[in-house]
Amino acid sequence: MTDPLDDVLRRKILVELQRNGRLTNQELAERVGASPSPVWRRVRDMEESGVIRRYAALLDPEAVGIGECVFAQVTIEKHNREMYQNFERVVGSLPEVLECYALTGDADFILKIHVRSVRDYDRLLTDHLFRIPGVQHLKSSFTLREIKFETALPVRGADED
């Protein structure tokens, strides 16, 4: 498959699917101004190549009772592949950890964590995160409020023709 951003129709499809992944192929074709067949082919190609990772429902954390959002900066004691891989494996298995990134700078990783309460976060720390071999330091920051939340990537040039 070619670069999806080299094709204006692909860019339009990506913008629309990021807005609403439940569109039918017919609705999607109408929104991007193309016939259903080429739209379907491009969507299928982008799904198969991994450009489109998956389709998901975005839940409101407050509405489902998981209102505490915490960012945790983690420093690993020894910078070696085994310690990093073990940390990544354990963190990858924790459903409360929604995102994990390896960083440059003072911390080695940053985690975005959603829990029901401060008590649940304490349990996550003591039962899981502090037990990971090599975790030297963990700095937590609780969010006060969400200023911006966006899942759509900026697809430039989708309005070109």
N, C-alpha and C. Protein backbone atom coordinates (compact mmCIF):
# COMPACT_ATOMS: atom_id res chain seq x y z
N MET A 1 0.84 -1.18 0.00
CA MET A 1 0.00 0.00 0.00
C MET A 1 0.88 1.24 0.00
N THR A 2 0.46 2.26 -0.70
CA THR A 2 1.20 3.51 -0.73
C THR A 2 0.97 4.28 0.56
N ASP A 3 1.71 5.35 0.73
CA ASP A 3 1.56 6.22 1.90
C ASP A 3 0.12 6.75 1.91
N PRO A 4 -0.64 6.51 2.99
CA PRO A 4 -2.04 6.93 3.02
C PRO A 4 -2.20 8.44 2.92
N LEU A 5 -1.20 9.19 3.30
CA LEU A 5 -1.32 10.64 3.24
C LEU A 5 -0.95 11.21 1.88
N ASP A 6 -0.54 10.34 0.93
CA ASP A 6 -0.26 10.78 -0.43
C ASP A 6 -1.53 10.87 -1.27
N ASP A 7 -2.62 10.38 -0.75
CA ASP A 7 -3.89 10.29 -1.48
C ASP A 7 -4.94 11.12 -0.74
N VAL A 8 -5.50 12.13 -1.40
CA VAL A 8 -6.49 13.01 -0.77
C VAL A 8 -7.70 12.22 -0.28
N LEU A 9 -8.16 11.25 -1.06
CA LEU A 9 -9.32 10.47 -0.65
C LEU A 9 -9.02 9.70 0.63
N ARG A 10 -7.85 9.11 0.72
CA ARG A 10 -7.46 8.40 1.95
C ARG A 10 -7.46 9.36 3.15
N ARG A 11 -6.91 10.56 2.95
CA ARG A 11 -6.88 11.54 4.04
C ARG A 11 -8.29 11.89 4.48
N LYS A 12 -9.19 12.10 3.53
CA LYS A 12 -10.58 12.42 3.87
C LYS A 12 -11.23 11.27 4.63
N ILE A 13 -10.98 10.06 4.19
CA ILE A 13 -11.53 8.87 4.86
C ILE A 13 -11.03 8.82 6.30
N LEU A 14 -9.74 9.04 6.50
CA LEU A 14 -9.16 8.98 7.84
C LEU A 14 -9.77 10.04 8.76
N VAL A 15 -9.96 11.24 8.23
CA VAL A 15 -10.58 12.31 9.03
C VAL A 15 -11.98 11.90 9.45
N GLU A 16 -12.78 11.42 8.52
CA GLU A 16 -14.17 11.05 8.83
C GLU A 16 -14.25 9.86 9.78
N LEU A 17 -13.42 8.86 9.58
CA LEU A 17 -13.46 7.69 10.47
C LEU A 17 -12.99 8.04 11.88
N GLN A 18 -12.08 9.01 12.00
CA GLN A 18 -11.68 9.44 13.34
C GLN A 18 -12.82 10.18 14.04
N ARG A 19 -13.65 10.85 13.28
CA ARG A 19 -14.82 11.52 13.87
C ARG A 19 -15.89 10.53 14.28
N ASN A 20 -16.10 9.52 13.42
CA ASN A 20 -17.16 8.54 13.68
C ASN A 20 -16.80 7.23 13.00
N GLY A 21 -16.30 6.28 13.76
CA GLY A 21 -15.90 4.99 13.23
C GLY A 21 -17.06 4.06 12.94
N ARG A 22 -18.29 4.50 13.25
CA ARG A 22 -19.46 3.64 13.02
C ARG A 22 -20.19 3.96 11.72
N LEU A 23 -19.62 4.85 10.91
CA LEU A 23 -20.25 5.17 9.63
C LEU A 23 -20.33 3.93 8.75
N THR A 24 -21.44 3.79 8.05
CA THR A 24 -21.50 2.73 7.04
C THR A 24 -20.62 3.15 5.87
N ASN A 25 -20.28 2.22 5.02
CA ASN A 25 -19.47 2.55 3.85
C ASN A 25 -20.19 3.57 2.97
N GLN A 26 -21.50 3.43 2.84
CA GLN A 26 -22.29 4.37 2.04
C GLN A 26 -22.21 5.78 2.64
N GLU A 27 -22.39 5.88 3.95
CA GLU A 27 -22.33 7.20 4.61
C GLU A 27 -20.93 7.80 4.47
N LEU A 28 -19.92 6.96 4.64
CA LEU A 28 -18.55 7.43 4.51
C LEU A 28 -18.28 7.94 3.10
N ALA A 29 -18.73 7.19 2.11
CA ALA A 29 -18.54 7.59 0.71
C ALA A 29 -19.21 8.93 0.44
N GLU A 30 -20.41 9.13 0.96
CA GLU A 30 -21.11 10.40 0.77
C GLU A 30 -20.34 11.55 1.41
N ARG A 31 -19.82 11.33 2.60
CA ARG A 31 -19.10 12.39 3.31
C ARG A 31 -17.79 12.78 2.63
N VAL A 32 -17.14 11.82 1.99
CA VAL A 32 -15.86 12.14 1.34
C VAL A 32 -16.02 12.45 -0.15
N GLY A 33 -17.25 12.36 -0.64
CA GLY A 33 -17.51 12.71 -2.03
C GLY A 33 -16.98 11.72 -3.04
N ALA A 34 -17.13 10.44 -2.75
CA ALA A 34 -16.66 9.40 -3.67
C ALA A 34 -17.69 8.27 -3.70
N SER A 35 -17.52 7.37 -4.65
CA SER A 35 -18.43 6.23 -4.71
C SER A 35 -18.00 5.18 -3.68
N PRO A 36 -18.93 4.33 -3.25
CA PRO A 36 -18.64 3.36 -2.18
C PRO A 36 -17.50 2.38 -2.48
N SER A 37 -17.37 1.93 -3.72
CA SER A 37 -16.38 0.90 -4.03
C SER A 37 -14.94 1.34 -3.74
N PRO A 38 -14.47 2.49 -4.27
CA PRO A 38 -13.09 2.89 -3.96
C PRO A 38 -12.89 3.24 -2.49
N VAL A 39 -13.94 3.73 -1.84
CA VAL A 39 -13.84 4.02 -0.41
C VAL A 39 -13.64 2.72 0.36
N TRP A 40 -14.44 1.71 0.04
CA TRP A 40 -14.34 0.42 0.72
C TRP A 40 -12.95 -0.18 0.53
N ARG A 41 -12.42 -0.11 -0.71
CA ARG A 41 -11.09 -0.66 -0.98
C ARG A 41 -10.01 0.04 -0.15
N ARG A 42 -10.11 1.36 -0.08
CA ARG A 42 -9.10 2.11 0.67
C ARG A 42 -9.19 1.81 2.17
N VAL A 43 -10.40 1.74 2.69
CA VAL A 43 -10.57 1.41 4.11
C VAL A 43 -9.99 0.03 4.39
N ARG A 44 -10.34 -0.94 3.56
CA ARG A 44 -9.83 -2.30 3.74
C ARG A 44 -8.30 -2.32 3.69
N ASP A 45 -7.72 -1.62 2.72
CA ASP A 45 -6.25 -1.57 2.60
C ASP A 45 -5.62 -0.95 3.85
N MET A 46 -6.24 0.11 4.36
CA MET A 46 -5.68 0.78 5.54
C MET A 46 -5.87 -0.07 6.80
N GLU A 47 -6.93 -0.86 6.86
CA GLU A 47 -7.11 -1.79 7.99
C GLU A 47 -6.05 -2.89 7.93
N GLU A 48 -5.87 -3.47 6.75
CA GLU A 48 -4.93 -4.58 6.58
C GLU A 48 -3.48 -4.16 6.80
N SER A 49 -3.15 -2.92 6.43
CA SER A 49 -1.77 -2.46 6.57
C SER A 49 -1.48 -1.90 7.96
N GLY A 50 -2.51 -1.74 8.79
CA GLY A 50 -2.30 -1.24 10.14
C GLY A 50 -2.41 0.26 10.29
N VAL A 51 -2.69 0.98 9.21
CA VAL A 51 -2.92 2.42 9.34
C VAL A 51 -4.11 2.65 10.27
N ILE A 52 -5.18 1.89 10.05
CA ILE A 52 -6.32 1.90 10.96
C ILE A 52 -6.09 0.73 11.91
N ARG A 53 -5.78 1.04 13.16
CA ARG A 53 -5.46 0.00 14.14
C ARG A 53 -6.69 -0.79 14.56
N ARG A 54 -7.76 -0.05 14.90
CA ARG A 54 -8.98 -0.69 15.39
C ARG A 54 -10.08 0.36 15.49
N TYR A 55 -11.27 -0.10 15.79
CA TYR A 55 -12.41 0.77 16.03
C TYR A 55 -12.81 0.58 17.49
N ALA A 56 -13.15 1.67 18.17
CA ALA A 56 -13.46 1.55 19.60
C ALA A 56 -14.46 2.62 20.02
N ALA A 57 -15.17 2.35 21.11
CA ALA A 57 -16.05 3.34 21.73
C ALA A 57 -15.23 4.10 22.77
N LEU A 58 -15.37 5.41 22.81
CA LEU A 58 -14.68 6.23 23.81
C LEU A 58 -15.63 6.46 24.98
N LEU A 59 -15.26 5.97 26.14
CA LEU A 59 -16.11 6.07 27.32
C LEU A 59 -15.79 7.33 28.11
N ASP A 60 -16.80 7.86 28.78
CA ASP A 60 -16.61 8.98 29.69
C ASP A 60 -16.19 8.39 31.04
N PRO A 61 -14.96 8.64 31.49
CA PRO A 61 -14.48 8.04 32.74
C PRO A 61 -15.39 8.32 33.93
N GLU A 62 -15.89 9.55 34.04
CA GLU A 62 -16.78 9.90 35.15
C GLU A 62 -18.06 9.08 35.10
N ALA A 63 -18.60 8.90 33.91
CA ALA A 63 -19.88 8.19 33.76
C ALA A 63 -19.77 6.72 34.15
N VAL A 64 -18.58 6.15 34.02
CA VAL A 64 -18.40 4.74 34.39
C VAL A 64 -17.70 4.58 35.74
N GLY A 65 -17.56 5.69 36.47
CA GLY A 65 -17.02 5.63 37.82
C GLY A 65 -15.53 5.45 37.93
N ILE A 66 -14.81 5.83 36.90
CA ILE A 66 -13.34 5.74 36.93
C ILE A 66 -12.79 7.15 36.73
N GLY A 67 -13.07 8.00 37.72
CA GLY A 67 -12.84 9.43 37.56
C GLY A 67 -11.47 9.96 37.89
N GLU A 68 -10.62 9.18 38.52
CA GLU A 68 -9.28 9.68 38.87
C GLU A 68 -8.30 9.38 37.74
N CYS A 69 -7.67 10.42 37.25
CA CYS A 69 -6.65 10.28 36.21
C CYS A 69 -5.32 10.71 36.81
N VAL A 70 -4.33 9.85 36.69
CA VAL A 70 -3.01 10.09 37.29
C VAL A 70 -1.94 9.91 36.22
N PHE A 71 -0.98 10.82 36.21
CA PHE A 71 0.21 10.64 35.39
C PHE A 71 1.34 10.27 36.34
N ALA A 72 2.02 9.18 36.04
CA ALA A 72 3.11 8.71 36.89
C ALA A 72 4.40 8.68 36.08
N GLN A 73 5.40 9.40 36.57
CA GLN A 73 6.72 9.38 35.96
C GLN A 73 7.56 8.34 36.70
N VAL A 74 8.14 7.44 35.95
CA VAL A 74 8.87 6.31 36.55
C VAL A 74 10.33 6.35 36.12
N THR A 75 11.20 6.17 37.10
CA THR A 75 12.63 6.06 36.84
C THR A 75 13.06 4.63 37.16
N ILE A 76 13.78 4.03 36.24
CA ILE A 76 14.28 2.67 36.42
C ILE A 76 15.71 2.74 36.95
N GLU A 77 16.02 1.87 37.90
CA GLU A 77 17.31 1.86 38.59
C GLU A 77 18.49 1.65 37.65
N LYS A 78 18.45 0.59 36.88
CA LYS A 78 19.54 0.27 35.97
C LYS A 78 19.02 0.34 34.54
N HIS A 79 19.74 1.05 33.72
CA HIS A 79 19.31 1.20 32.33
C HIS A 79 19.84 0.03 31.51
N ASN A 80 19.09 -1.07 31.58
CA ASN A 80 19.44 -2.19 30.72
C ASN A 80 18.17 -2.77 30.11
N ARG A 81 18.36 -3.45 29.02
CA ARG A 81 17.24 -3.96 28.23
C ARG A 81 16.31 -4.86 29.04
N GLU A 82 16.89 -5.72 29.87
CA GLU A 82 16.08 -6.66 30.65
C GLU A 82 15.15 -5.93 31.62
N MET A 83 15.66 -4.93 32.32
CA MET A 83 14.83 -4.15 33.26
C MET A 83 13.70 -3.45 32.52
N TYR A 84 14.05 -2.82 31.39
CA TYR A 84 13.05 -2.11 30.60
C TYR A 84 11.98 -3.07 30.09
N GLN A 85 12.40 -4.19 29.54
CA GLN A 85 11.43 -5.15 28.98
C GLN A 85 10.52 -5.70 30.06
N ASN A 86 11.05 -5.98 31.23
CA ASN A 86 10.24 -6.48 32.33
C ASN A 86 9.22 -5.42 32.76
N PHE A 87 9.68 -4.18 32.89
CA PHE A 87 8.78 -3.09 33.26
C PHE A 87 7.66 -2.96 32.22
N GLU A 88 8.02 -2.95 30.95
CA GLU A 88 7.04 -2.80 29.88
C GLU A 88 6.05 -3.97 29.87
N ARG A 89 6.52 -5.17 30.14
CA ARG A 89 5.64 -6.34 30.18
C ARG A 89 4.62 -6.22 31.31
N VAL A 90 5.08 -5.87 32.50
CA VAL A 90 4.17 -5.76 33.65
C VAL A 90 3.18 -4.63 33.43
N VAL A 91 3.67 -3.47 33.04
CA VAL A 91 2.79 -2.32 32.83
C VAL A 91 1.78 -2.61 31.72
N GLY A 92 2.21 -3.31 30.69
CA GLY A 92 1.31 -3.67 29.60
C GLY A 92 0.17 -4.58 30.02
N SER A 93 0.33 -5.26 31.13
CA SER A 93 -0.71 -6.18 31.61
C SER A 93 -1.70 -5.52 32.57
N LEU A 94 -1.45 -4.27 32.96
CA LEU A 94 -2.31 -3.60 33.94
C LEU A 94 -3.40 -2.81 33.23
N PRO A 95 -4.67 -3.17 33.41
CA PRO A 95 -5.75 -2.47 32.70
C PRO A 95 -5.90 -1.01 33.11
N GLU A 96 -5.44 -0.64 34.30
CA GLU A 96 -5.55 0.75 34.74
C GLU A 96 -4.60 1.67 33.98
N VAL A 97 -3.53 1.11 33.45
CA VAL A 97 -2.55 1.89 32.68
C VAL A 97 -3.05 1.97 31.24
N LEU A 98 -3.52 3.16 30.87
CA LEU A 98 -4.07 3.34 29.52
C LEU A 98 -2.99 3.65 28.50
N GLU A 99 -1.95 4.33 28.93
CA GLU A 99 -0.87 4.69 28.02
C GLU A 99 0.45 4.62 28.77
N CYS A 100 1.50 4.26 28.06
CA CYS A 100 2.85 4.22 28.62
C CYS A 100 3.81 4.64 27.53
N TYR A 101 4.68 5.58 27.86
CA TYR A 101 5.65 6.08 26.89
C TYR A 101 7.05 6.04 27.50
N ALA A 102 8.03 5.63 26.73
CA ALA A 102 9.43 5.76 27.11
C ALA A 102 9.84 7.19 26.81
N LEU A 103 10.62 7.78 27.71
CA LEU A 103 10.95 9.20 27.61
C LEU A 103 12.45 9.46 27.55
N THR A 104 12.78 10.67 27.13
CA THR A 104 14.10 11.22 27.36
C THR A 104 13.96 12.12 28.58
N GLY A 105 15.06 12.52 29.18
CA GLY A 105 14.98 13.43 30.32
C GLY A 105 15.13 12.71 31.64
N ASP A 106 14.57 13.30 32.70
CA ASP A 106 14.76 12.79 34.06
C ASP A 106 14.07 11.45 34.31
N ALA A 107 12.89 11.27 33.78
CA ALA A 107 12.15 10.01 33.98
C ALA A 107 12.36 9.11 32.77
N ASP A 108 12.23 7.81 33.00
CA ASP A 108 12.37 6.84 31.91
C ASP A 108 11.05 6.55 31.21
N PHE A 109 9.95 6.61 31.98
CA PHE A 109 8.62 6.32 31.44
C PHE A 109 7.61 7.28 32.04
N ILE A 110 6.54 7.50 31.31
CA ILE A 110 5.38 8.19 31.86
C ILE A 110 4.16 7.31 31.59
N LEU A 111 3.33 7.17 32.60
CA LEU A 111 2.13 6.35 32.51
C LEU A 111 0.90 7.23 32.68
N LYS A 112 -0.12 6.96 31.90
CA LYS A 112 -1.43 7.58 32.11
C LYS A 112 -2.31 6.49 32.71
N ILE A 113 -2.81 6.77 33.90
CA ILE A 113 -3.52 5.76 34.67
C ILE A 113 -4.91 6.28 35.03
N HIS A 114 -5.92 5.42 34.90
CA HIS A 114 -7.28 5.76 35.35
C HIS A 114 -7.69 4.76 36.42
N VAL A 115 -8.14 5.29 37.56
CA VAL A 115 -8.61 4.46 38.67
C VAL A 115 -9.88 5.09 39.25
N ARG A 116 -10.60 4.32 40.04
CA ARG A 116 -11.83 4.81 40.67
C ARG A 116 -11.55 5.81 41.78
N SER A 117 -10.46 5.59 42.53
CA SER A 117 -10.22 6.41 43.72
C SER A 117 -8.73 6.47 44.04
N VAL A 118 -8.40 7.36 44.97
CA VAL A 118 -7.03 7.45 45.45
C VAL A 118 -6.64 6.13 46.12
N ARG A 119 -7.56 5.54 46.83
CA ARG A 119 -7.30 4.24 47.48
C ARG A 119 -6.95 3.18 46.44
N ASP A 120 -7.68 3.15 45.33
CA ASP A 120 -7.37 2.19 44.26
C ASP A 120 -5.99 2.46 43.66
N TYR A 121 -5.62 3.73 43.56
CA TYR A 121 -4.29 4.06 43.05
C TYR A 121 -3.22 3.56 44.02
N ASP A 122 -3.46 3.75 45.30
CA ASP A 122 -2.52 3.25 46.31
C ASP A 122 -2.34 1.74 46.18
N ARG A 123 -3.43 1.03 45.96
CA ARG A 123 -3.34 -0.44 45.77
C ARG A 123 -2.54 -0.79 44.52
N LEU A 124 -2.77 -0.05 43.45
CA LEU A 124 -2.03 -0.29 42.21
C LEU A 124 -0.53 -0.08 42.44
N LEU A 125 -0.20 0.97 43.17
CA LEU A 125 1.22 1.23 43.47
C LEU A 125 1.82 0.10 44.29
N THR A 126 1.19 -0.21 45.42
CA THR A 126 1.79 -1.18 46.34
C THR A 126 1.72 -2.61 45.83
N ASP A 127 0.65 -2.96 45.16
CA ASP A 127 0.50 -4.35 44.69
C ASP A 127 1.20 -4.63 43.37
N HIS A 128 1.44 -3.60 42.58
CA HIS A 128 1.99 -3.83 41.24
C HIS A 128 3.22 -2.99 40.91
N LEU A 129 3.05 -1.68 40.85
CA LEU A 129 4.13 -0.84 40.32
C LEU A 129 5.39 -0.87 41.19
N PHE A 130 5.23 -0.78 42.51
CA PHE A 130 6.41 -0.80 43.38
C PHE A 130 7.07 -2.17 43.46
N ARG A 131 6.39 -3.19 43.00
CA ARG A 131 6.94 -4.55 43.02
C ARG A 131 7.73 -4.90 41.76
N ILE A 132 7.69 -4.03 40.78
CA ILE A 132 8.43 -4.29 39.55
C ILE A 132 9.92 -4.11 39.84
N PRO A 133 10.72 -5.13 39.61
CA PRO A 133 12.16 -5.01 39.87
C PRO A 133 12.76 -3.86 39.05
N GLY A 134 13.55 -3.04 39.74
CA GLY A 134 14.24 -1.95 39.07
C GLY A 134 13.55 -0.60 39.17
N VAL A 135 12.30 -0.55 39.63
CA VAL A 135 11.63 0.74 39.78
C VAL A 135 12.31 1.47 40.94
N GLN A 136 12.98 2.56 40.60
CA GLN A 136 13.74 3.32 41.59
C GLN A 136 12.92 4.47 42.16
N HIS A 137 12.17 5.14 41.30
CA HIS A 137 11.45 6.34 41.72
C HIS A 137 10.17 6.43 40.91
N LEU A 138 9.10 6.86 41.57
CA LEU A 138 7.83 7.07 40.89
C LEU A 138 7.22 8.36 41.42
N LYS A 139 6.91 9.27 40.53
CA LYS A 139 6.34 10.57 40.90
C LYS A 139 4.95 10.65 40.29
N SER A 140 3.94 10.83 41.15
CA SER A 140 2.55 10.85 40.70
C SER A 140 2.01 12.27 40.66
N SER A 141 1.22 12.55 39.63
CA SER A 141 0.50 13.82 39.53
C SER A 141 -0.95 13.51 39.20
N PHE A 142 -1.86 13.88 40.11
CA PHE A 142 -3.29 13.70 39.87
C PHE A 142 -3.80 14.88 39.06
N THR A 143 -4.64 14.60 38.07
CA THR A 143 -5.20 15.68 37.27
C THR A 143 -6.32 16.35 38.05
N LEU A 144 -6.43 17.66 37.90
CA LEU A 144 -7.51 18.42 38.53
C LEU A 144 -8.73 18.46 37.62
N ARG A 145 -8.48 18.68 36.34
CA ARG A 145 -9.56 18.68 35.35
C ARG A 145 -8.94 18.47 33.97
N GLU A 146 -9.76 18.01 33.07
CA GLU A 146 -9.30 17.78 31.70
C GLU A 146 -9.52 19.05 30.89
N ILE A 147 -8.47 19.56 30.30
CA ILE A 147 -8.55 20.77 29.49
C ILE A 147 -8.83 20.42 28.03
N LYS A 148 -8.14 19.44 27.53
CA LYS A 148 -8.34 19.00 26.15
C LYS A 148 -8.14 17.49 26.09
N PHE A 149 -9.05 16.84 25.40
CA PHE A 149 -8.92 15.40 25.15
C PHE A 149 -9.30 15.18 23.70
N GLU A 150 -8.40 14.66 22.94
CA GLU A 150 -8.65 14.42 21.52
C GLU A 150 -7.98 13.11 21.15
N THR A 151 -8.67 12.32 20.37
CA THR A 151 -8.08 11.06 19.91
C THR A 151 -7.72 11.11 18.43
N ALA A 152 -8.25 12.09 17.71
CA ALA A 152 -8.02 12.17 16.26
C ALA A 152 -6.65 12.79 15.97
N LEU A 153 -5.88 12.11 15.14
CA LEU A 153 -4.60 12.66 14.69
C LEU A 153 -4.87 13.74 13.65
N PRO A 154 -4.03 14.77 13.59
CA PRO A 154 -4.23 15.83 12.60
C PRO A 154 -3.80 15.36 11.21
N VAL A 155 -4.76 15.09 10.37
CA VAL A 155 -4.49 14.64 9.00
C VAL A 155 -4.52 15.87 8.10
N ARG A 156 -3.35 16.36 7.78
CA ARG A 156 -3.23 17.58 6.97
C ARG A 156 -3.55 17.30 5.50
N GLY A 157 -4.14 18.28 4.86
CA GLY A 157 -4.39 18.18 3.43
C GLY A 157 -5.63 17.40 3.05
N ALA A 158 -6.49 17.09 4.02
CA ALA A 158 -7.71 16.34 3.69
C ALA A 158 -8.71 17.20 2.94
N ASP A 159 -8.53 18.52 2.98
CA ASP A 159 -9.46 19.40 2.29
C ASP A 159 -8.99 19.76 0.88
N GLU A 160 -7.88 19.17 0.44
CA GLU A 160 -7.39 19.41 -0.92
C GLU A 160 -8.22 18.62 -1.93
N ASP A 161 -8.26 19.06 -3.13
CA ASP A 161 -8.94 18.31 -4.20
C ASP A 161 -8.10 18.25 -5.44
